[in-house]
């Protein structure tokens, strides 16, 4: 797993992943288990404003010894504050993000994307020009093309001068 896939699975910006690993003094190993722990850590930190280190300790302990109950409960030491997390919702959201990271994620390439350069007939065809008419016209002699052009011009002039 790459850093980009790992960050997509959490979901968090790459910079948050790098900074969180530095603050928590974690090795940069991109595993599914580490992503799951950091995903729960991020939920606790972002949603409930729990400090990063405390959130990581709770997330690691909860996921390693996950109870069978459908909810995880975190209480403050004095018992005043209680946070409840829906276990099934968290795990299904994490699994969906992990799937998106492993299947649909593509690393960004550096620099500008290359432009397909087409010239001449290929560019005209891609733009929607009918190449068949151009080729048929070029098969004729220049004198014939001029004569047909004059006939078309006189026809258009006659349309504009007709009384309606």
Foldseek 3Di string as FASTA:
>chain_A
DDLQLLCLLLVDDSVVVVVLCVVLVHDPDRDLLVSLLSSQLCCCCVVVVDDSVVSSVQSNVCVVVPDPDQWDWDADPVRPDIDIDGNVVSVVSSVVSSCCSVPVDDDDDPDDDDDDDDDDPVVCVVVPHDVVVVVVLVVDDPVVNVVVVVVVVVVVVVVVPDDD
